[in-house]
C-alpha atoms as a PDB file:
ATOM      1  CA  UNK A   1     -11.014   3.228  18.291  1.00  0.00           C
ATOM      2  CA  UNK A   2      -7.548   2.900  16.810  1.00  0.00           C
ATOM      3  CA  UNK A   3      -4.889   0.521  18.132  1.00  0.00           C
ATOM      4  CA  UNK A   4      -1.627   1.815  19.582  1.00  0.00           C
ATOM      5  CA  UNK A   5       0.180   0.609  16.445  1.00  0.00           C
ATOM      6  CA  UNK A   6      -2.146   2.571  14.167  1.00  0.00           C
ATOM      7  CA  UNK A   7      -1.601   5.680  16.264  1.00  0.00           C
ATOM      8  CA  UNK A   8       2.169   5.131  16.257  1.00  0.00           C
ATOM      9  CA  UNK A   9       2.340   4.740  12.460  1.00  0.00           C
ATOM     10  CA  UNK A  10       0.071   7.766  12.046  1.00  0.00           C
ATOM     11  CA  UNK A  11       2.022  10.061  14.392  1.00  0.00           C
ATOM     12  CA  UNK A  12       5.468   8.638  13.497  1.00  0.00           C
ATOM     13  CA  UNK A  13       5.116   7.317   9.944  1.00  0.00           C
ATOM     14  CA  UNK A  14       8.029   5.352   8.525  1.00  0.00           C
ATOM     15  CA  UNK A  15       9.450   5.793   5.019  1.00  0.00           C
ATOM     16  CA  UNK A  16       7.733   9.108   4.263  1.00  0.00           C
ATOM     17  CA  UNK A  17       8.572  11.223   1.238  1.00  0.00           C
ATOM     18  CA  UNK A  18       9.589  10.981  -2.373  1.00  0.00           C
ATOM     19  CA  UNK A  19      12.388   8.645  -3.350  1.00  0.00           C
ATOM     20  CA  UNK A  20      14.618  10.521  -5.812  1.00  0.00           C
ATOM     21  CA  UNK A  21      16.221   7.360  -7.217  1.00  0.00           C
ATOM     22  CA  UNK A  22      12.954   5.392  -7.485  1.00  0.00           C
ATOM     23  CA  UNK A  23      12.675   3.044 -10.429  1.00  0.00           C
ATOM     24  CA  UNK A  24       9.033   2.270  -9.648  1.00  0.00           C
ATOM     25  CA  UNK A  25       6.160   4.569  -8.704  1.00  0.00           C
ATOM     26  CA  UNK A  26       2.537   3.631  -8.127  1.00  0.00           C
ATOM     27  CA  UNK A  27      -0.418   5.789  -7.228  1.00  0.00           C
ATOM     28  CA  UNK A  28      -3.887   4.720  -6.134  1.00  0.00           C
ATOM     29  CA  UNK A  29      -6.842   6.586  -4.737  1.00  0.00           C
ATOM     30  CA  UNK A  30     -10.323   6.170  -3.388  1.00  0.00           C
ATOM     31  CA  UNK A  31     -12.843   8.559  -4.975  1.00  0.00           C
ATOM     32  CA  UNK A  32     -15.338   8.143  -2.133  1.00  0.00           C
ATOM     33  CA  UNK A  33     -13.127   9.093   0.818  1.00  0.00           C
ATOM     34  CA  UNK A  34     -10.487  11.082  -1.087  1.00  0.00           C
ATOM     35  CA  UNK A  35      -7.417   9.131   0.119  1.00  0.00           C
ATOM     36  CA  UNK A  36      -4.509   9.140  -2.345  1.00  0.00           C
ATOM     37  CA  UNK A  37      -1.396   6.999  -1.876  1.00  0.00           C
ATOM     38  CA  UNK A  38       1.782   7.271  -3.888  1.00  0.00           C
ATOM     39  CA  UNK A  39       4.381   4.544  -3.340  1.00  0.00           C
ATOM     40  CA  UNK A  40       8.009   4.809  -4.477  1.00  0.00           C
ATOM     41  CA  UNK A  41      10.471   1.906  -4.733  1.00  0.00           C
ATOM     42  CA  UNK A  42      14.066   1.330  -5.653  1.00  0.00           C
ATOM     43  CA  UNK A  43      14.259  -2.289  -6.812  1.00  0.00           C
ATOM     44  CA  UNK A  44      17.630  -3.915  -7.464  1.00  0.00           C
ATOM     45  CA  UNK A  45      18.017  -7.518  -8.644  1.00  0.00           C
ATOM     46  CA  UNK A  46      14.382  -8.223  -7.771  1.00  0.00           C
ATOM     47  CA  UNK A  47      14.731  -6.936  -4.183  1.00  0.00           C
ATOM     48  CA  UNK A  48      12.979  -3.841  -2.818  1.00  0.00           C
ATOM     49  CA  UNK A  49      16.019  -1.994  -1.502  1.00  0.00           C
ATOM     50  CA  UNK A  50      14.222   1.259  -0.683  1.00  0.00           C
ATOM     51  CA  UNK A  51      10.546   2.134  -0.375  1.00  0.00           C
ATOM     52  CA  UNK A  52       8.716   5.283   0.629  1.00  0.00           C
ATOM     53  CA  UNK A  53       5.295   6.895   0.337  1.00  0.00           C
ATOM     54  CA  UNK A  54       3.351  10.113   0.217  1.00  0.00           C
ATOM     55  CA  UNK A  55      -0.276   9.866   1.299  1.00  0.00           C
ATOM     56  CA  UNK A  56      -3.022  12.415   1.315  1.00  0.00           C
ATOM     57  CA  UNK A  57      -5.731  11.140   3.590  1.00  0.00           C
ATOM     58  CA  UNK A  58      -6.913  10.184   7.025  1.00  0.00           C
ATOM     59  CA  UNK A  59      -4.841   8.772   9.861  1.00  0.00           C
ATOM     60  CA  UNK A  60      -5.658   5.196   8.876  1.00  0.00           C
ATOM     61  CA  UNK A  61      -4.498   5.849   5.299  1.00  0.00           C
ATOM     62  CA  UNK A  62      -1.175   7.201   6.573  1.00  0.00           C
ATOM     63  CA  UNK A  63      -0.762   4.329   9.041  1.00  0.00           C
ATOM     64  CA  UNK A  64      -1.505   1.644   6.445  1.00  0.00           C
ATOM     65  CA  UNK A  65       0.901   3.257   3.964  1.00  0.00           C
ATOM     66  CA  UNK A  66       3.604   3.331   6.618  1.00  0.00           C
ATOM     67  CA  UNK A  67       3.017  -0.283   7.651  1.00  0.00           C
ATOM     68  CA  UNK A  68       2.825  -1.572   4.066  1.00  0.00           C
ATOM     69  CA  UNK A  69       6.200  -0.016   3.242  1.00  0.00           C
ATOM     70  CA  UNK A  70       7.698  -1.572   6.364  1.00  0.00           C
ATOM     71  CA  UNK A  71       6.317  -4.984   5.424  1.00  0.00           C
ATOM     72  CA  UNK A  72       7.812  -5.008   1.901  1.00  0.00           C
ATOM     73  CA  UNK A  73      11.164  -3.329   2.564  1.00  0.00           C
ATOM     74  CA  UNK A  74      13.993  -5.775   1.840  1.00  0.00           C
ATOM     75  CA  UNK A  75      11.614  -8.339   0.329  1.00  0.00           C
ATOM     76  CA  UNK A  76      11.660  -9.747  -3.178  1.00  0.00           C
ATOM     77  CA  UNK A  77       9.128  -8.443  -5.663  1.00  0.00           C
ATOM     78  CA  UNK A  78       7.425 -11.847  -5.559  1.00  0.00           C
ATOM     79  CA  UNK A  79       7.142 -11.710  -1.757  1.00  0.00           C
ATOM     80  CA  UNK A  80       5.796  -8.150  -1.875  1.00  0.00           C
ATOM     81  CA  UNK A  81       3.090  -9.199  -4.330  1.00  0.00           C
ATOM     82  CA  UNK A  82       1.796 -11.615  -1.688  1.00  0.00           C
ATOM     83  CA  UNK A  83       1.095  -8.755   0.733  1.00  0.00           C
ATOM     84  CA  UNK A  84      -2.614  -8.599   1.458  1.00  0.00           C
ATOM     85  CA  UNK A  85      -4.760  -5.893   2.933  1.00  0.00           C
ATOM     86  CA  UNK A  86      -5.564  -8.339   5.737  1.00  0.00           C
ATOM     87  CA  UNK A  87      -1.842  -8.646   6.558  1.00  0.00           C
ATOM     88  CA  UNK A  88      -1.501  -4.853   6.688  1.00  0.00           C
ATOM     89  CA  UNK A  89      -4.523  -4.530   9.003  1.00  0.00           C
ATOM     90  CA  UNK A  90      -3.304  -7.388  11.224  1.00  0.00           C
ATOM     91  CA  UNK A  91       0.182  -5.866  11.488  1.00  0.00           C
ATOM     92  CA  UNK A  92      -1.511  -2.722  12.817  1.00  0.00           C
ATOM     93  CA  UNK A  93      -3.494  -4.771  15.351  1.00  0.00           C
ATOM     94  CA  UNK A  94      -6.673  -4.148  13.391  1.00  0.00           C
ATOM     95  CA  UNK A  95      -8.622  -1.271  11.893  1.00  0.00           C
ATOM     96  CA  UNK A  96     -12.175  -0.099  12.478  1.00  0.00           C
ATOM     97  CA  UNK A  97     -14.511  -1.636   9.863  1.00  0.00           C
ATOM     98  CA  UNK A  98     -15.095   1.712   8.168  1.00  0.00           C
ATOM     99  CA  UNK A  99     -11.329   2.116   7.689  1.00  0.00           C
ATOM    100  CA  UNK A 100     -10.517  -1.291   6.171  1.00  0.00           C
ATOM    101  CA  UNK A 101     -10.572   0.293   2.721  1.00  0.00           C
ATOM    102  CA  UNK A 102      -7.316   2.029   3.714  1.00  0.00           C
ATOM    103  CA  UNK A 103      -5.576  -1.339   3.987  1.00  0.00           C
ATOM    104  CA  UNK A 104      -6.974  -2.231   0.548  1.00  0.00           C
ATOM    105  CA  UNK A 105      -5.448   0.968  -0.848  1.00  0.00           C
ATOM    106  CA  UNK A 106      -2.090   0.130   0.750  1.00  0.00           C
ATOM    107  CA  UNK A 107      -2.079  -3.318  -0.891  1.00  0.00           C
ATOM    108  CA  UNK A 108      -3.086  -1.764  -4.209  1.00  0.00           C
ATOM    109  CA  UNK A 109      -0.393   0.904  -3.907  1.00  0.00           C
ATOM    110  CA  UNK A 110       2.317  -1.736  -3.497  1.00  0.00           C
ATOM    111  CA  UNK A 111       0.928  -3.697  -6.462  1.00  0.00           C
ATOM    112  CA  UNK A 112       0.642  -0.547  -8.621  1.00  0.00           C
ATOM    113  CA  UNK A 113       4.254   0.317  -7.859  1.00  0.00           C
ATOM    114  CA  UNK A 114       5.439  -3.164  -8.819  1.00  0.00           C
ATOM    115  CA  UNK A 115       3.298  -3.034 -11.982  1.00  0.00           C
ATOM    116  CA  UNK A 116       5.096   0.207 -12.891  1.00  0.00           C
ATOM    117  CA  UNK A 117       8.455  -1.499 -12.315  1.00  0.00           C
ATOM    118  CA  UNK A 118       7.472  -4.329 -14.640  1.00  0.00           C
ATOM    119  CA  UNK A 119       6.274  -1.920 -17.329  1.00  0.00           C
ATOM    120  CA  UNK A 120       9.458   0.150 -17.123  1.00  0.00           C
ATOM    121  CA  UNK A 121      11.385  -3.067 -17.731  1.00  0.00           C
ATOM    122  CA  UNK A 122       9.267  -4.127 -20.703  1.00  0.00           C
ATOM    123  CA  UNK A 123       7.364  -6.819 -18.802  1.00  0.00           C
ATOM    124  CA  UNK A 124       3.583  -7.075 -18.847  1.00  0.00           C
ATOM    125  CA  UNK A 125       2.451  -7.336 -15.190  1.00  0.00           C
ATOM    126  CA  UNK A 126       1.057 -10.826 -14.528  1.00  0.00           C
ATOM    127  CA  UNK A 127      -1.812  -9.344 -12.477  1.00  0.00           C
ATOM    128  CA  UNK A 128      -4.451  -6.637 -12.613  1.00  0.00           C
ATOM    129  CA  UNK A 129      -4.798  -3.653 -10.324  1.00  0.00           C
ATOM    130  CA  UNK A 130      -8.339  -3.305  -8.993  1.00  0.00           C
ATOM    131  CA  UNK A 131      -8.774   0.050  -7.333  1.00  0.00           C
ATOM    132  CA  UNK A 132     -10.821   0.436  -4.193  1.00  0.00           C
ATOM    133  CA  UNK A 133     -13.966   2.304  -5.091  1.00  0.00           C
ATOM    134  CA  UNK A 134     -15.160   2.717  -1.542  1.00  0.00           C
ATOM    135  CA  UNK A 135     -17.970   0.287  -2.271  1.00  0.00           C
ATOM    136  CA  UNK A 136     -18.011  -3.006  -0.413  1.00  0.00           C
ATOM    137  CA  UNK A 137     -18.368  -5.150  -3.535  1.00  0.00           C
ATOM    138  CA  UNK A 138     -14.772  -4.293  -4.496  1.00  0.00           C
ATOM    139  CA  UNK A 139     -13.368  -5.150  -1.076  1.00  0.00           C
ATOM    140  CA  UNK A 140     -15.473  -8.310  -0.945  1.00  0.00           C
ATOM    141  CA  UNK A 141     -13.416  -9.546  -3.918  1.00  0.00           C
ATOM    142  CA  UNK A 142     -10.412  -9.383  -1.602  1.00  0.00           C
ATOM    143  CA  UNK A 143     -12.216 -11.110   1.276  1.00  0.00           C
ATOM    144  CA  UNK A 144     -12.623  -7.902   3.269  1.00  0.00           C
ATOM    145  CA  UNK A 145     -15.637  -5.701   3.695  1.00  0.00           C
ATOM    146  CA  UNK A 146     -15.638  -2.198   5.117  1.00  0.00           C
END
């Protein structure tokens, strides 16, 4: 069963669509369930001024994308990098265990977008992007199993 917040972010997603003036774009996907998230950001002076997403996937994937963009909007890049999949799931008042991988994808999408921003500015990202494979060993690295 989904929480009211999950249903709200699924039926009324925030920050949907391409961002024409994006200076950072990240895309992640899960080959097992088929969810694909594309995150767009406009970062100015280290602050995420604008953020949006396009997600192909289930309701939980859309809801976690929506919530993740809400959680990083207006934050510094450094603050956004601290966003965890657990924080996304908690902000949605939880996710069913079989849908926790969606919160992992949302975290990874934010990180992939910031990695793209760094690369566009000639900076090697100080972190690695580990994509969710849909297998619990990957999520266990992040302290979450699905």
